[in-house]
Amino acid sequence: MDTQLESFLNMMSEAERAGGRVLHELTDQAQSLELRELLRKAAHDEGYYAGELAAHVRRLGGAASNKTGDFVEKVRAVDDFKGKLEFLNRGQRWVIRKIEESLPSIADKQLQAFLRVMAKGHHINIGALEDALKEGLL
């Protein structure tokens, strides 16, 4: 497996693991039942993506990382709950941007398809959280 691709996929998997942990923590802090469900769904997605990224690394002959990215600590450093949610969406946008930057250099069609679906899932979760924030669901 190409080391650059392995590094990218492991970085993304670590980021997804961190996002999942953040979402679990934020779910416990949410007052709105609707927001709790939205955050649970997004956390589920993050866990799924992390697992699938690791599976692709192994399928392509690489060594999958089991680390968690530093995003958890970055979100914890934000003082208010709404600010944490907004920071979470910035992280989700970062994931989309990294996927879009990397897609042209990825030859494996199965991995390309997965990454496109992963980016779309992040777009959906960003939109749902933005809607919740506009509605004042905290």
N, C-alpha and C. Protein backbone atom coordinates (compact mmCIF):
# COMPACT_ATOMS: atom_id res chain seq x y z
N MET A 1 0.85 -1.19 0.00
CA MET A 1 0.00 0.00 0.00
C MET A 1 0.89 1.24 0.00
N ASP A 2 0.49 2.22 -0.76
CA ASP A 2 1.19 3.50 -0.83
C ASP A 2 1.19 4.15 0.56
N THR A 3 2.35 4.55 1.06
CA THR A 3 2.45 5.09 2.42
C THR A 3 1.70 6.41 2.57
N GLN A 4 1.64 7.21 1.51
CA GLN A 4 0.91 8.48 1.58
C GLN A 4 -0.59 8.21 1.76
N LEU A 5 -1.12 7.25 1.03
CA LEU A 5 -2.53 6.90 1.15
C LEU A 5 -2.81 6.29 2.52
N GLU A 6 -1.93 5.42 2.97
CA GLU A 6 -2.09 4.81 4.30
C GLU A 6 -2.12 5.89 5.38
N SER A 7 -1.22 6.83 5.27
CA SER A 7 -1.15 7.93 6.24
C SER A 7 -2.44 8.76 6.20
N PHE A 8 -2.91 9.08 5.02
CA PHE A 8 -4.14 9.86 4.87
C PHE A 8 -5.33 9.12 5.48
N LEU A 9 -5.49 7.86 5.14
CA LEU A 9 -6.63 7.09 5.65
C LEU A 9 -6.57 6.95 7.16
N ASN A 10 -5.38 6.73 7.70
CA ASN A 10 -5.24 6.63 9.16
C ASN A 10 -5.53 7.97 9.83
N MET A 11 -5.08 9.06 9.23
CA MET A 11 -5.37 10.38 9.78
C MET A 11 -6.88 10.61 9.81
N MET A 12 -7.55 10.23 8.73
CA MET A 12 -9.00 10.41 8.67
C MET A 12 -9.71 9.52 9.68
N SER A 13 -9.24 8.30 9.84
CA SER A 13 -9.83 7.38 10.82
C SER A 13 -9.67 7.93 12.23
N GLU A 14 -8.50 8.47 12.53
CA GLU A 14 -8.25 9.06 13.85
C GLU A 14 -9.16 10.27 14.07
N ALA A 15 -9.37 11.05 13.03
CA ALA A 15 -10.26 12.22 13.12
C ALA A 15 -11.70 11.77 13.35
N GLU A 16 -12.12 10.72 12.67
CA GLU A 16 -13.49 10.21 12.85
C GLU A 16 -13.68 9.67 14.26
N ARG A 17 -12.69 8.97 14.78
CA ARG A 17 -12.76 8.47 16.15
C ARG A 17 -12.89 9.64 17.14
N ALA A 18 -12.12 10.68 16.90
CA ALA A 18 -12.20 11.86 17.76
C ALA A 18 -13.57 12.52 17.65
N GLY A 19 -14.08 12.62 16.43
CA GLY A 19 -15.41 13.20 16.24
C GLY A 19 -16.47 12.40 16.97
N GLY A 20 -16.36 11.09 16.92
CA GLY A 20 -17.31 10.24 17.62
C GLY A 20 -17.27 10.46 19.12
N ARG A 21 -16.08 10.56 19.67
CA ARG A 21 -15.94 10.79 21.11
C ARG A 21 -16.53 12.15 21.49
N VAL A 22 -16.24 13.16 20.70
CA VAL A 22 -16.78 14.51 20.95
C VAL A 22 -18.31 14.46 20.92
N LEU A 23 -18.85 13.80 19.92
CA LEU A 23 -20.30 13.73 19.79
C LEU A 23 -20.94 13.02 20.98
N HIS A 24 -20.31 11.98 21.48
CA HIS A 24 -20.85 11.30 22.67
C HIS A 24 -20.86 12.25 23.86
N GLU A 25 -19.79 13.01 24.03
CA GLU A 25 -19.72 13.96 25.14
C GLU A 25 -20.78 15.05 24.99
N LEU A 26 -20.94 15.57 23.78
CA LEU A 26 -21.90 16.64 23.56
C LEU A 26 -23.33 16.14 23.71
N THR A 27 -23.58 14.90 23.35
CA THR A 27 -24.92 14.33 23.51
C THR A 27 -25.35 14.40 24.97
N ASP A 28 -24.44 14.09 25.87
CA ASP A 28 -24.75 14.13 27.30
C ASP A 28 -25.06 15.55 27.79
N GLN A 29 -24.53 16.55 27.09
CA GLN A 29 -24.73 17.94 27.51
C GLN A 29 -25.97 18.59 26.88
N ALA A 30 -26.51 17.97 25.84
CA ALA A 30 -27.64 18.56 25.11
C ALA A 30 -28.89 18.53 25.98
N GLN A 31 -29.61 19.64 26.00
CA GLN A 31 -30.87 19.74 26.74
C GLN A 31 -32.05 19.25 25.90
N SER A 32 -32.01 19.53 24.63
CA SER A 32 -33.09 19.17 23.71
C SER A 32 -33.00 17.69 23.34
N LEU A 33 -34.13 17.00 23.45
CA LEU A 33 -34.16 15.58 23.05
C LEU A 33 -33.89 15.42 21.56
N GLU A 34 -34.38 16.37 20.77
CA GLU A 34 -34.14 16.31 19.32
C GLU A 34 -32.65 16.45 19.01
N LEU A 35 -32.00 17.38 19.67
CA LEU A 35 -30.56 17.56 19.45
C LEU A 35 -29.80 16.32 19.91
N ARG A 36 -30.22 15.72 21.02
CA ARG A 36 -29.56 14.49 21.47
C ARG A 36 -29.63 13.40 20.41
N GLU A 37 -30.79 13.24 19.80
CA GLU A 37 -30.94 12.23 18.76
C GLU A 37 -30.08 12.55 17.54
N LEU A 38 -30.04 13.82 17.17
CA LEU A 38 -29.22 14.24 16.04
C LEU A 38 -27.75 13.93 16.31
N LEU A 39 -27.28 14.24 17.52
CA LEU A 39 -25.88 14.00 17.88
C LEU A 39 -25.58 12.51 17.97
N ARG A 40 -26.53 11.72 18.46
CA ARG A 40 -26.34 10.26 18.50
C ARG A 40 -26.18 9.69 17.09
N LYS A 41 -27.00 10.17 16.18
CA LYS A 41 -26.93 9.71 14.79
C LYS A 41 -25.58 10.08 14.18
N ALA A 42 -25.14 11.30 14.40
CA ALA A 42 -23.85 11.73 13.87
C ALA A 42 -22.71 10.93 14.49
N ALA A 43 -22.80 10.63 15.79
CA ALA A 43 -21.77 9.82 16.46
C ALA A 43 -21.71 8.42 15.85
N HIS A 44 -22.87 7.87 15.56
CA HIS A 44 -22.93 6.56 14.91
C HIS A 44 -22.21 6.61 13.56
N ASP A 45 -22.48 7.65 12.79
CA ASP A 45 -21.84 7.82 11.49
C ASP A 45 -20.32 7.87 11.65
N GLU A 46 -19.84 8.64 12.62
CA GLU A 46 -18.40 8.79 12.82
C GLU A 46 -17.75 7.43 13.13
N GLY A 47 -18.41 6.65 13.98
CA GLY A 47 -17.88 5.33 14.30
C GLY A 47 -17.85 4.42 13.08
N TYR A 48 -18.91 4.47 12.30
CA TYR A 48 -18.98 3.68 11.07
C TYR A 48 -17.84 4.08 10.12
N TYR A 49 -17.66 5.37 9.91
CA TYR A 49 -16.63 5.83 8.99
C TYR A 49 -15.24 5.43 9.48
N ALA A 50 -14.98 5.55 10.77
CA ALA A 50 -13.67 5.17 11.32
C ALA A 50 -13.41 3.69 11.06
N GLY A 51 -14.40 2.86 11.29
CA GLY A 51 -14.24 1.43 11.07
C GLY A 51 -14.02 1.08 9.61
N GLU A 52 -14.77 1.73 8.74
CA GLU A 52 -14.63 1.47 7.31
C GLU A 52 -13.28 1.95 6.77
N LEU A 53 -12.82 3.09 7.26
CA LEU A 53 -11.50 3.57 6.84
C LEU A 53 -10.42 2.57 7.23
N ALA A 54 -10.49 2.05 8.45
CA ALA A 54 -9.52 1.04 8.90
C ALA A 54 -9.62 -0.22 8.05
N ALA A 55 -10.84 -0.60 7.69
CA ALA A 55 -11.02 -1.79 6.85
C ALA A 55 -10.39 -1.58 5.47
N HIS A 56 -10.51 -0.38 4.92
CA HIS A 56 -9.90 -0.10 3.61
C HIS A 56 -8.38 -0.14 3.73
N VAL A 57 -7.83 0.38 4.81
CA VAL A 57 -6.37 0.33 5.00
C VAL A 57 -5.92 -1.13 4.99
N ARG A 58 -6.60 -1.97 5.75
CA ARG A 58 -6.22 -3.39 5.81
C ARG A 58 -6.42 -4.08 4.45
N ARG A 59 -7.53 -3.78 3.77
CA ARG A 59 -7.81 -4.38 2.47
C ARG A 59 -6.72 -4.05 1.47
N LEU A 60 -6.17 -2.85 1.58
CA LEU A 60 -5.14 -2.41 0.64
C LEU A 60 -3.72 -2.76 1.09
N GLY A 61 -3.64 -3.52 2.20
CA GLY A 61 -2.34 -4.02 2.64
C GLY A 61 -1.59 -3.16 3.64
N GLY A 62 -2.26 -2.19 4.23
CA GLY A 62 -1.60 -1.32 5.20
C GLY A 62 -1.90 -1.71 6.63
N ALA A 63 -1.33 -0.96 7.55
CA ALA A 63 -1.55 -1.16 8.99
C ALA A 63 -2.48 -0.05 9.48
N ALA A 64 -3.65 -0.45 9.97
CA ALA A 64 -4.66 0.51 10.42
C ALA A 64 -4.31 1.05 11.81
N SER A 65 -4.45 2.34 11.97
CA SER A 65 -4.23 3.00 13.26
C SER A 65 -5.45 2.80 14.15
N ASN A 66 -5.20 2.73 15.45
CA ASN A 66 -6.32 2.68 16.40
C ASN A 66 -6.30 3.90 17.32
N LYS A 67 -5.55 4.92 16.93
CA LYS A 67 -5.43 6.13 17.72
C LYS A 67 -6.65 7.03 17.54
N THR A 68 -6.78 7.98 18.45
CA THR A 68 -7.83 8.99 18.38
C THR A 68 -7.16 10.35 18.19
N GLY A 69 -7.67 11.13 17.26
CA GLY A 69 -7.09 12.43 16.96
C GLY A 69 -7.24 13.44 18.09
N ASP A 70 -6.52 14.54 17.97
CA ASP A 70 -6.48 15.57 19.02
C ASP A 70 -7.69 16.51 19.00
N PHE A 71 -8.63 16.27 18.11
CA PHE A 71 -9.82 17.11 18.01
C PHE A 71 -10.62 17.11 19.31
N VAL A 72 -10.58 16.01 20.03
CA VAL A 72 -11.32 15.91 21.29
C VAL A 72 -10.89 17.03 22.23
N GLU A 73 -9.62 17.19 22.41
CA GLU A 73 -9.10 18.21 23.34
C GLU A 73 -9.40 19.62 22.82
N LYS A 74 -9.38 19.79 21.53
CA LYS A 74 -9.67 21.11 20.96
C LYS A 74 -11.11 21.52 21.26
N VAL A 75 -12.04 20.58 21.13
CA VAL A 75 -13.45 20.89 21.42
C VAL A 75 -13.64 21.11 22.92
N ARG A 76 -13.01 20.31 23.73
CA ARG A 76 -13.13 20.47 25.18
C ARG A 76 -12.64 21.84 25.63
N ALA A 77 -11.71 22.44 24.90
CA ALA A 77 -11.16 23.74 25.26
C ALA A 77 -12.12 24.89 24.98
N VAL A 78 -13.15 24.65 24.19
CA VAL A 78 -14.14 25.69 23.89
C VAL A 78 -15.07 25.81 25.09
N ASP A 79 -15.33 27.04 25.52
CA ASP A 79 -16.05 27.27 26.77
C ASP A 79 -17.54 26.92 26.74
N ASP A 80 -18.25 27.40 25.74
CA ASP A 80 -19.71 27.23 25.77
C ASP A 80 -20.19 26.12 24.84
N PHE A 81 -21.34 25.58 25.15
CA PHE A 81 -21.90 24.45 24.42
C PHE A 81 -22.14 24.78 22.94
N LYS A 82 -22.75 25.93 22.68
CA LYS A 82 -23.00 26.32 21.29
C LYS A 82 -21.69 26.45 20.53
N GLY A 83 -20.68 27.02 21.17
CA GLY A 83 -19.36 27.14 20.54
C GLY A 83 -18.76 25.78 20.21
N LYS A 84 -18.97 24.81 21.08
CA LYS A 84 -18.49 23.45 20.83
C LYS A 84 -19.17 22.86 19.60
N LEU A 85 -20.48 23.08 19.49
CA LEU A 85 -21.22 22.58 18.33
C LEU A 85 -20.74 23.24 17.04
N GLU A 86 -20.50 24.53 17.09
CA GLU A 86 -20.00 25.24 15.90
C GLU A 86 -18.61 24.75 15.52
N PHE A 87 -17.77 24.51 16.53
CA PHE A 87 -16.43 23.99 16.28
C PHE A 87 -16.50 22.59 15.69
N LEU A 88 -17.44 21.80 16.16
CA LEU A 88 -17.67 20.46 15.62
C LEU A 88 -17.96 20.56 14.12
N ASN A 89 -18.81 21.47 13.72
CA ASN A 89 -19.12 21.62 12.29
C ASN A 89 -17.90 22.07 11.49
N ARG A 90 -17.05 22.90 12.09
CA ARG A 90 -15.80 23.27 11.39
C ARG A 90 -14.95 22.04 11.16
N GLY A 91 -14.90 21.16 12.14
CA GLY A 91 -14.17 19.91 11.99
C GLY A 91 -14.76 19.02 10.90
N GLN A 92 -16.08 19.00 10.82
CA GLN A 92 -16.75 18.21 9.79
C GLN A 92 -16.40 18.77 8.40
N ARG A 93 -16.35 20.09 8.29
CA ARG A 93 -15.99 20.71 7.01
C ARG A 93 -14.53 20.39 6.64
N TRP A 94 -13.66 20.33 7.64
CA TRP A 94 -12.26 19.97 7.42
C TRP A 94 -12.19 18.57 6.79
N VAL A 95 -12.98 17.63 7.32
CA VAL A 95 -12.99 16.27 6.79
C VAL A 95 -13.41 16.29 5.32
N ILE A 96 -14.45 17.01 5.00
CA ILE A 96 -14.92 17.09 3.61
C ILE A 96 -13.82 17.66 2.72
N ARG A 97 -13.19 18.73 3.17
CA ARG A 97 -12.13 19.36 2.38
C ARG A 97 -10.98 18.39 2.13
N LYS A 98 -10.56 17.65 3.15
CA LYS A 98 -9.47 16.69 3.00
C LYS A 98 -9.84 15.58 2.02
N ILE A 99 -11.08 15.13 2.08
CA ILE A 99 -11.53 14.10 1.14
C ILE A 99 -11.48 14.66 -0.28
N GLU A 100 -12.05 15.84 -0.48
CA GLU A 100 -12.09 16.42 -1.82
C GLU A 100 -10.70 16.66 -2.39
N GLU A 101 -9.76 17.07 -1.53
CA GLU A 101 -8.38 17.28 -1.98
C GLU A 101 -7.71 15.97 -2.38
N SER A 102 -8.06 14.88 -1.72
CA SER A 102 -7.37 13.61 -1.93
C SER A 102 -7.98 12.74 -3.02
N LEU A 103 -9.25 12.91 -3.30
CA LEU A 103 -9.93 12.03 -4.26
C LEU A 103 -9.22 11.91 -5.62
N PRO A 104 -8.75 13.00 -6.21
CA PRO A 104 -8.14 12.87 -7.54
C PRO A 104 -6.91 11.95 -7.56
N SER A 105 -6.23 11.79 -6.44
CA SER A 105 -5.02 10.96 -6.42
C SER A 105 -5.28 9.52 -5.98
N ILE A 106 -6.53 9.18 -5.71
CA ILE A 106 -6.86 7.82 -5.25
C ILE A 106 -7.33 7.00 -6.43
N ALA A 107 -6.61 5.91 -6.71
CA ALA A 107 -6.93 5.07 -7.86
C ALA A 107 -7.98 4.01 -7.55
N ASP A 108 -8.06 3.56 -6.32
CA ASP A 108 -8.96 2.48 -5.94
C ASP A 108 -10.42 2.96 -5.99
N LYS A 109 -11.20 2.38 -6.90
CA LYS A 109 -12.59 2.82 -7.13
C LYS A 109 -13.48 2.57 -5.92
N GLN A 110 -13.29 1.46 -5.23
CA GLN A 110 -14.10 1.16 -4.04
C GLN A 110 -13.85 2.20 -2.95
N LEU A 111 -12.59 2.56 -2.75
CA LEU A 111 -12.25 3.57 -1.76
C LEU A 111 -12.79 4.94 -2.18
N GLN A 112 -12.69 5.27 -3.45
CA GLN A 112 -13.24 6.54 -3.94
C GLN A 112 -14.73 6.62 -3.63
N ALA A 113 -15.46 5.55 -3.92
CA ALA A 113 -16.91 5.55 -3.69
C ALA A 113 -17.21 5.73 -2.21
N PHE A 114 -16.48 5.02 -1.36
CA PHE A 114 -16.70 5.16 0.08
C PHE A 114 -16.45 6.60 0.53
N LEU A 115 -15.35 7.18 0.09
CA LEU A 115 -15.01 8.55 0.52
C LEU A 115 -16.04 9.56 0.05
N ARG A 116 -16.59 9.37 -1.14
CA ARG A 116 -17.65 10.27 -1.62
C ARG A 116 -18.89 10.16 -0.73
N VAL A 117 -19.25 8.95 -0.37
CA VAL A 117 -20.40 8.74 0.51
C VAL A 117 -20.12 9.34 1.89
N MET A 118 -18.91 9.17 2.37
CA MET A 118 -18.52 9.73 3.67
C MET A 118 -18.63 11.26 3.65
N ALA A 119 -18.16 11.88 2.58
CA ALA A 119 -18.26 13.35 2.46
C ALA A 119 -19.72 13.79 2.44
N LYS A 120 -20.56 13.06 1.70
CA LYS A 120 -21.98 13.40 1.66
C LYS A 120 -22.62 13.27 3.05
N GLY A 121 -22.25 12.23 3.77
CA GLY A 121 -22.76 12.06 5.13
C GLY A 121 -22.37 13.21 6.03
N HIS A 122 -21.16 13.71 5.87
CA HIS A 122 -20.73 14.86 6.66
C HIS A 122 -21.52 16.11 6.28
N HIS A 123 -21.78 16.29 4.98
CA HIS A 123 -22.60 17.42 4.54
C HIS A 123 -23.98 17.37 5.20
N ILE A 124 -24.58 16.20 5.22
CA ILE A 124 -25.90 16.03 5.82
C ILE A 124 -25.87 16.36 7.31
N ASN A 125 -24.87 15.86 8.01
CA ASN A 125 -24.78 16.10 9.45
C ASN A 125 -24.51 17.57 9.76
N ILE A 126 -23.71 18.22 8.93
CA ILE A 126 -23.47 19.66 9.11
C ILE A 126 -24.79 20.42 8.96
N GLY A 127 -25.52 20.13 7.91
CA GLY A 127 -26.80 20.81 7.68
C GLY A 127 -27.79 20.60 8.81
N ALA A 128 -27.87 19.37 9.30
CA ALA A 128 -28.80 19.08 10.39
C ALA A 128 -28.42 19.84 11.65
N LEU A 129 -27.14 19.92 11.95
CA LEU A 129 -26.70 20.65 13.14
C LEU A 129 -26.90 22.15 12.96
N GLU A 130 -26.64 22.67 11.77
CA GLU A 130 -26.89 24.09 11.52
C GLU A 130 -28.36 24.42 11.69
N ASP A 131 -29.23 23.55 11.20
CA ASP A 131 -30.67 23.76 11.38
C ASP A 131 -31.04 23.76 12.86
N ALA A 132 -30.49 22.83 13.60
CA ALA A 132 -30.77 22.75 15.04
C ALA A 132 -30.32 24.01 15.76
N LEU A 133 -29.16 24.53 15.38
CA LEU A 133 -28.66 25.76 16.00
C LEU A 133 -29.57 26.94 15.65
N LYS A 134 -30.05 27.02 14.40
CA LYS A 134 -30.94 28.10 13.99
C LYS A 134 -32.26 28.04 14.76
N GLU A 135 -32.70 26.81 15.05
CA GLU A 135 -33.94 26.62 15.79
C GLU A 135 -33.77 26.80 17.30
N GLY A 136 -32.53 27.01 17.71
CA GLY A 136 -32.26 27.22 19.14
C GLY A 136 -32.29 25.94 19.96
N LEU A 137 -32.12 24.80 19.30
CA LEU A 137 -32.11 23.53 20.03
C LEU A 137 -30.74 23.33 20.68
N LEU A 138 -30.69 23.50 21.95
CA LEU A 138 -29.44 23.28 22.67
C LEU A 138 -29.74 22.31 23.79
